[in-house]
Amino acid sequence: MRRWLALREKRGLTFGELSQRTGVPSGTLGHWAWKLRQEARGTKGQASGGGFVELVARTSGPGAAPEAAGAPIEIMLERGRRVVVSGEVDEVALERVLRVLARC
């Protein structure tokens, strides 16, 4: 991601132009640019001060990944916010909602 964003800076590309070249959604590129700026300033932009968290789907036991299509998905965000959606949510719409929430 750093290399792509450095290329953007070097060539004066917009996020849309870089998105077309890399296949990475422009919102994702914008988020990473913001995140890396925060990191450079020494802030994480997160209430917990945490970094990245690996998500692992459980295959059995409490919290196991549901087998039925359309089962709810819960996404926990910073500052205690959460998003709950059906498992069959439109990926583009969900990405748009998460981008908006990241700016809040």
C-alpha atoms as a PDB file:
ATOM      1  CA  MET A   1       0.000   0.000   0.000  1.00  0.00           C
ATOM      2  CA  ARG A   2       2.853   2.363   0.825  1.00  0.00           C
ATOM      3  CA  ARG A   3       4.386   1.776  -2.613  1.00  0.00           C
ATOM      4  CA  TRP A   4       1.104   2.484  -4.394  1.00  0.00           C
ATOM      5  CA  LEU A   5       0.531   5.661  -2.404  1.00  0.00           C
ATOM      6  CA  ALA A   6       4.123   6.761  -3.050  1.00  0.00           C
ATOM      7  CA  LEU A   7       3.475   6.206  -6.768  1.00  0.00           C
ATOM      8  CA  ARG A   8       0.357   8.370  -6.462  1.00  0.00           C
ATOM      9  CA  GLU A   9       2.390  11.174  -4.887  1.00  0.00           C
ATOM     10  CA  LYS A  10       5.242  10.853  -7.390  1.00  0.00           C
ATOM     11  CA  ARG A  11       2.989  10.926 -10.459  1.00  0.00           C
ATOM     12  CA  GLY A  12       0.320  13.264  -9.085  1.00  0.00           C
ATOM     13  CA  LEU A  13      -2.458  10.701  -9.542  1.00  0.00           C
ATOM     14  CA  THR A  14      -5.908  11.004  -8.023  1.00  0.00           C
ATOM     15  CA  PHE A  15      -7.224   8.152  -5.903  1.00  0.00           C
ATOM     16  CA  GLY A  16      -9.544   7.291  -8.813  1.00  0.00           C
ATOM     17  CA  GLU A  17      -6.649   7.056 -11.266  1.00  0.00           C
ATOM     18  CA  LEU A  18      -4.608   4.942  -8.863  1.00  0.00           C
ATOM     19  CA  SER A  19      -7.653   2.752  -8.289  1.00  0.00           C
ATOM     20  CA  GLN A  20      -7.933   2.087 -12.021  1.00  0.00           C
ATOM     21  CA  ARG A  21      -4.241   1.126 -12.193  1.00  0.00           C
ATOM     22  CA  THR A  22      -4.199  -1.118  -9.115  1.00  0.00           C
ATOM     23  CA  GLY A  23      -7.757  -2.453  -8.889  1.00  0.00           C
ATOM     24  CA  VAL A  24      -7.933  -1.280  -5.252  1.00  0.00           C
ATOM     25  CA  PRO A  25     -11.116   0.724  -4.523  1.00  0.00           C
ATOM     26  CA  SER A  26     -10.424   4.468  -4.260  1.00  0.00           C
ATOM     27  CA  GLY A  27     -12.062   4.554  -0.810  1.00  0.00           C
ATOM     28  CA  THR A  28      -9.622   1.928   0.416  1.00  0.00           C
ATOM     29  CA  LEU A  29      -6.700   3.927  -0.972  1.00  0.00           C
ATOM     30  CA  GLY A  30      -7.993   7.072   0.710  1.00  0.00           C
ATOM     31  CA  HIS A  31      -8.401   5.263   4.003  1.00  0.00           C
ATOM     32  CA  TRP A  32      -4.842   3.933   3.850  1.00  0.00           C
ATOM     33  CA  ALA A  33      -3.483   7.371   2.977  1.00  0.00           C
ATOM     34  CA  TRP A  34      -5.253   8.742   6.060  1.00  0.00           C
ATOM     35  CA  LYS A  35      -4.084   5.850   8.234  1.00  0.00           C
ATOM     36  CA  LEU A  36      -0.464   6.245   7.148  1.00  0.00           C
ATOM     37  CA  ARG A  37      -0.610  10.008   7.781  1.00  0.00           C
ATOM     38  CA  GLN A  38      -1.924   9.302  11.293  1.00  0.00           C
ATOM     39  CA  GLU A  39       0.855   6.779  11.832  1.00  0.00           C
ATOM     40  CA  ALA A  40       3.470   9.288  10.666  1.00  0.00           C
ATOM     41  CA  ARG A  41       2.121  11.818  13.187  1.00  0.00           C
ATOM     42  CA  GLY A  42       2.351   9.214  15.932  1.00  0.00           C
ATOM     43  CA  THR A  43      -1.404   8.763  16.382  1.00  0.00           C
ATOM     44  CA  LYS A  44      -3.357   5.642  15.645  1.00  0.00           C
ATOM     45  CA  GLY A  45      -6.724   7.301  15.172  1.00  0.00           C
ATOM     46  CA  GLN A  46      -8.200   4.642  17.428  1.00  0.00           C
ATOM     47  CA  ALA A  47      -9.578   4.916  20.931  1.00  0.00           C
ATOM     48  CA  SER A  48      -7.716   1.789  22.002  1.00  0.00           C
ATOM     49  CA  GLY A  49      -4.402   2.817  20.466  1.00  0.00           C
ATOM     50  CA  GLY A  50      -4.367  -0.665  19.009  1.00  0.00           C
ATOM     51  CA  GLY A  51      -3.354  -1.348  15.330  1.00  0.00           C
ATOM     52  CA  PHE A  52      -4.650  -4.035  13.155  1.00  0.00           C
ATOM     53  CA  VAL A  53      -6.568  -7.032  14.402  1.00  0.00           C
ATOM     54  CA  GLU A  54      -6.586 -10.348  12.577  1.00  0.00           C
ATOM     55  CA  LEU A  55     -10.074 -11.727  11.968  1.00  0.00           C
ATOM     56  CA  VAL A  56     -10.386 -15.503  12.121  1.00  0.00           C
ATOM     57  CA  ALA A  57     -13.642 -17.315  11.370  1.00  0.00           C
ATOM     58  CA  ARG A  58     -14.442 -19.983  13.931  1.00  0.00           C
ATOM     59  CA  THR A  59     -15.582 -23.306  12.561  1.00  0.00           C
ATOM     60  CA  SER A  60     -17.078 -24.681  15.794  1.00  0.00           C
ATOM     61  CA  GLY A  61     -18.142 -23.622  19.264  1.00  0.00           C
ATOM     62  CA  PRO A  62     -19.599 -20.296  20.435  1.00  0.00           C
ATOM     63  CA  GLY A  63     -19.281 -17.613  17.792  1.00  0.00           C
ATOM     64  CA  ALA A  64     -18.710 -20.122  15.006  1.00  0.00           C
ATOM     65  CA  ALA A  65     -19.278 -18.938  11.461  1.00  0.00           C
ATOM     66  CA  PRO A  66     -22.959 -19.517  10.615  1.00  0.00           C
ATOM     67  CA  GLU A  67     -23.665 -22.045   7.911  1.00  0.00           C
ATOM     68  CA  ALA A  68     -26.903 -20.461   6.736  1.00  0.00           C
ATOM     69  CA  ALA A  69     -26.664 -17.760   4.081  1.00  0.00           C
ATOM     70  CA  GLY A  70     -28.007 -14.455   5.291  1.00  0.00           C
ATOM     71  CA  ALA A  71     -27.003 -14.943   8.923  1.00  0.00           C
ATOM     72  CA  PRO A  72     -26.174 -11.592  10.560  1.00  0.00           C
ATOM     73  CA  ILE A  73     -22.651 -10.189  10.598  1.00  0.00           C
ATOM     74  CA  GLU A  74     -21.633  -7.835  13.396  1.00  0.00           C
ATOM     75  CA  ILE A  75     -18.735  -5.425  12.899  1.00  0.00           C
ATOM     76  CA  MET A  76     -17.363  -3.688  15.986  1.00  0.00           C
ATOM     77  CA  LEU A  77     -15.883  -0.254  15.322  1.00  0.00           C
ATOM     78  CA  GLU A  78     -13.921   2.298  17.308  1.00  0.00           C
ATOM     79  CA  ARG A  79     -15.533   4.151  20.193  1.00  0.00           C
ATOM     80  CA  GLY A  80     -18.022   1.347  20.811  1.00  0.00           C
ATOM     81  CA  ARG A  81     -19.841   1.711  17.486  1.00  0.00           C
ATOM     82  CA  ARG A  82     -21.065  -1.370  15.688  1.00  0.00           C
ATOM     83  CA  VAL A  83     -22.689  -2.309  12.408  1.00  0.00           C
ATOM     84  CA  VAL A  84     -24.962  -5.337  12.107  1.00  0.00           C
ATOM     85  CA  VAL A  85     -25.951  -6.501   8.627  1.00  0.00           C
ATOM     86  CA  SER A  86     -27.404  -9.541   6.954  1.00  0.00           C
ATOM     87  CA  GLY A  87     -24.810 -11.994   5.632  1.00  0.00           C
ATOM     88  CA  GLU A  88     -26.112 -11.303   2.137  1.00  0.00           C
ATOM     89  CA  VAL A  89     -25.438  -7.551   2.283  1.00  0.00           C
ATOM     90  CA  ASP A  90     -24.319  -5.833  -0.905  1.00  0.00           C
ATOM     91  CA  GLU A  91     -20.536  -5.516  -0.642  1.00  0.00           C
ATOM     92  CA  VAL A  92     -20.404  -2.119  -2.376  1.00  0.00           C
ATOM     93  CA  ALA A  93     -23.079  -0.672  -0.083  1.00  0.00           C
ATOM     94  CA  LEU A  94     -21.337  -2.014   3.036  1.00  0.00           C
ATOM     95  CA  GLU A  95     -17.999  -0.601   1.901  1.00  0.00           C
ATOM     96  CA  ARG A  96     -19.647   2.804   1.381  1.00  0.00           C
ATOM     97  CA  VAL A  97     -21.169   2.726   4.884  1.00  0.00           C
ATOM     98  CA  LEU A  98     -17.845   1.776   6.470  1.00  0.00           C
ATOM     99  CA  ARG A  99     -16.038   4.554   4.569  1.00  0.00           C
ATOM    100  CA  VAL A 100     -18.540   7.106   5.853  1.00  0.00           C
ATOM    101  CA  LEU A 101     -18.222   5.799   9.415  1.00  0.00           C
ATOM    102  CA  ALA A 102     -14.420   5.971   9.205  1.00  0.00           C
ATOM    103  CA  ARG A 103     -14.696   9.718   8.532  1.00  0.00           C
ATOM    104  CA  CYS A 104     -16.860  10.307  11.601  1.00  0.00           C
END
